[in-house]
Structure formats: structure tokens, C-alpha cells
Amino acid sequence: MSKIDAMRAMREARYNAAQSAKPRAARPTAAPTAPTAPPKDSQKAPQKAEDLAEAPSEELCGHRNMSGRTCTRDKGHAAKSHRYS
């Protein structure tokens, strides 16, 4: 048995031991939470969709790299590099 074959056998044995040791549990699903209603005594007027559309939003650079990730810096950033996520 060569050194590579021995390393492969050890890796497979550790993998099988780890798989048998941990129980197979289903991924927990998070229940969607309903937004809480504001109190009726609130003095603020409800915002309309038009008001929300006019609100200034922080736009991102949007530059894409080769793998399809987009830049998370502000639009028109002065930095030479991009931050991808």
C-alpha cells in the first residue's frame, strides 16, 4: 500500500466515522413573522407608495466581477477596488 492509498483510507475512515456519529436532522425552517401593526393612537400619517418611491435610497456601485458577484460599495465610490458579496 502506498502512502497516498494509506492517506486516502484514513480520510475515508474519518469521514465515515463523522457521518455515523452525527444524527441526520432536517433543517429547521423559520416561520415567517408578521409585521406588527402600529398603535392606532399614532400621530404619523401612513406613508404612501409614492412617498416611499421618492425617498432617497442608498444605491450600490453594482459592478460585477467574473463570477457574478456585485460590488457593495456606494455608487460612484472613489476607491479603486470593489467589495464583492
C-alpha atoms as a PDB file:
ATOM      1  CA  MET A   1       0.000   0.000   0.000  1.00  0.00           C
ATOM      2  CA  SER A   2       1.448   3.359  -0.987  1.00  0.00           C
ATOM      3  CA  LYS A   3       1.481   6.482   1.121  1.00  0.00           C
ATOM      4  CA  ILE A   4      -1.309   8.022  -0.988  1.00  0.00           C
ATOM      5  CA  ASP A   5      -3.504   4.931  -0.596  1.00  0.00           C
ATOM      6  CA  ALA A   6      -2.962   4.984   3.177  1.00  0.00           C
ATOM      7  CA  MET A   7      -3.872   8.664   3.377  1.00  0.00           C
ATOM      8  CA  ARG A   8      -6.998   8.068   1.279  1.00  0.00           C
ATOM      9  CA  ALA A   9      -8.065   5.164   3.520  1.00  0.00           C
ATOM     10  CA  MET A  10      -7.573   7.284   6.661  1.00  0.00           C
ATOM     11  CA  ARG A  11      -9.567  10.154   5.172  1.00  0.00           C
ATOM     12  CA  GLU A  12     -12.423   7.847   4.194  1.00  0.00           C
ATOM     13  CA  ALA A  13     -12.422   6.219   7.634  1.00  0.00           C
ATOM     14  CA  ARG A  14     -12.614   9.641   9.355  1.00  0.00           C
ATOM     15  CA  TYR A  15     -15.396  10.721   7.004  1.00  0.00           C
ATOM     16  CA  ASN A  16     -17.417   7.551   7.669  1.00  0.00           C
ATOM     17  CA  ALA A  17     -16.926   7.914  11.430  1.00  0.00           C
ATOM     18  CA  ALA A  18     -18.071  11.542  11.322  1.00  0.00           C
ATOM     19  CA  GLN A  19     -21.114  10.662   9.226  1.00  0.00           C
ATOM     20  CA  SER A  20     -22.207   7.885  11.566  1.00  0.00           C
ATOM     21  CA  ALA A  21     -21.605   9.981  14.710  1.00  0.00           C
ATOM     22  CA  LYS A  22     -23.856  12.927  13.886  1.00  0.00           C
ATOM     23  CA  PRO A  23     -27.624  12.366  13.588  1.00  0.00           C
ATOM     24  CA  ARG A  24     -29.318  13.276  10.357  1.00  0.00           C
ATOM     25  CA  ALA A  25     -31.695  16.077  11.324  1.00  0.00           C
ATOM     26  CA  ALA A  26     -33.892  18.053   8.997  1.00  0.00           C
ATOM     27  CA  ARG A  27     -33.002  21.680   8.509  1.00  0.00           C
ATOM     28  CA  PRO A  28     -35.227  23.829  10.737  1.00  0.00           C
ATOM     29  CA  THR A  29     -37.435  26.184   8.815  1.00  0.00           C
ATOM     30  CA  ALA A  30     -38.075  29.646  10.133  1.00  0.00           C
ATOM     31  CA  ALA A  31     -41.716  30.616  10.235  1.00  0.00           C
ATOM     32  CA  PRO A  32     -42.397  33.959   8.565  1.00  0.00           C
ATOM     33  CA  THR A  33     -43.098  36.646  11.096  1.00  0.00           C
ATOM     34  CA  ALA A  34     -45.980  39.016  10.593  1.00  0.00           C
ATOM     35  CA  PRO A  35     -45.172  42.716  10.878  1.00  0.00           C
ATOM     36  CA  THR A  36     -46.532  44.329  13.979  1.00  0.00           C
ATOM     37  CA  ALA A  37     -49.252  46.898  13.476  1.00  0.00           C
ATOM     38  CA  PRO A  38     -48.553  50.424  14.745  1.00  0.00           C
ATOM     39  CA  PRO A  39     -50.761  51.643  17.570  1.00  0.00           C
ATOM     40  CA  LYS A  40     -53.959  53.373  16.500  1.00  0.00           C
ATOM     41  CA  ASP A  41     -53.032  56.432  18.560  1.00  0.00           C
ATOM     42  CA  SER A  42     -50.008  57.045  16.386  1.00  0.00           C
ATOM     43  CA  GLN A  43     -49.873  60.628  15.101  1.00  0.00           C
ATOM     44  CA  LYS A  44     -47.846  59.786  11.990  1.00  0.00           C
ATOM     45  CA  ALA A  45     -49.738  59.563   8.743  1.00  0.00           C
ATOM     46  CA  PRO A  46     -49.277  56.290   6.877  1.00  0.00           C
ATOM     47  CA  GLN A  47     -46.751  56.555   4.066  1.00  0.00           C
ATOM     48  CA  LYS A  48     -47.994  56.096   0.542  1.00  0.00           C
ATOM     49  CA  ALA A  49     -46.184  54.110  -2.108  1.00  0.00           C
ATOM     50  CA  GLU A  50     -45.372  57.331  -3.990  1.00  0.00           C
ATOM     51  CA  ASP A  51     -43.688  58.783  -0.900  1.00  0.00           C
ATOM     52  CA  LEU A  52     -41.593  55.657  -0.487  1.00  0.00           C
ATOM     53  CA  ALA A  53     -40.519  55.729  -4.141  1.00  0.00           C
ATOM     54  CA  GLU A  54     -39.298  59.327  -3.816  1.00  0.00           C
ATOM     55  CA  ALA A  55     -37.282  58.602  -0.675  1.00  0.00           C
ATOM     56  CA  PRO A  56     -33.540  58.677  -1.338  1.00  0.00           C
ATOM     57  CA  SER A  57     -32.168  55.180  -1.346  1.00  0.00           C
ATOM     58  CA  GLU A  58     -28.540  54.238  -0.968  1.00  0.00           C
ATOM     59  CA  GLU A  59     -27.575  52.964  -4.373  1.00  0.00           C
ATOM     60  CA  LEU A  60     -24.753  50.500  -4.736  1.00  0.00           C
ATOM     61  CA  CYS A  61     -21.978  50.541  -7.291  1.00  0.00           C
ATOM     62  CA  GLY A  62     -23.343  47.437  -8.986  1.00  0.00           C
ATOM     63  CA  HIS A  63     -20.053  46.484 -10.669  1.00  0.00           C
ATOM     64  CA  ARG A  64     -19.994  42.756 -11.357  1.00  0.00           C
ATOM     65  CA  ASN A  65     -16.948  40.535 -11.292  1.00  0.00           C
ATOM     66  CA  MET A  66     -16.383  37.464 -13.446  1.00  0.00           C
ATOM     67  CA  SER A  67     -18.178  35.118 -11.054  1.00  0.00           C
ATOM     68  CA  GLY A  68     -21.302  37.301 -10.985  1.00  0.00           C
ATOM     69  CA  ARG A  69     -20.884  38.912  -7.574  1.00  0.00           C
ATOM     70  CA  THR A  70     -21.773  42.594  -7.276  1.00  0.00           C
ATOM     71  CA  CYS A  71     -19.896  45.432  -5.597  1.00  0.00           C
ATOM     72  CA  THR A  72     -21.373  46.539  -2.260  1.00  0.00           C
ATOM     73  CA  ARG A  73     -19.740  49.970  -2.116  1.00  0.00           C
ATOM     74  CA  ASP A  74     -21.769  53.138  -2.668  1.00  0.00           C
ATOM     75  CA  LYS A  75     -22.425  54.238  -6.239  1.00  0.00           C
ATOM     76  CA  GLY A  76     -19.572  56.354  -7.575  1.00  0.00           C
ATOM     77  CA  HIS A  77     -17.117  55.314  -4.871  1.00  0.00           C
ATOM     78  CA  ALA A  78     -13.633  56.779  -5.021  1.00  0.00           C
ATOM     79  CA  ALA A  79     -11.880  53.558  -4.064  1.00  0.00           C
ATOM     80  CA  LYS A  80     -10.037  51.780  -6.845  1.00  0.00           C
ATOM     81  CA  SER A  81     -11.056  48.332  -5.646  1.00  0.00           C
ATOM     82  CA  HIS A  82     -14.532  46.854  -5.349  1.00  0.00           C
ATOM     83  CA  ARG A  83     -16.027  44.881  -2.473  1.00  0.00           C
ATOM     84  CA  TYR A  84     -17.957  41.888  -3.712  1.00  0.00           C
ATOM     85  CA  SER A  85     -20.549  39.803  -1.917  1.00  0.00           C
END
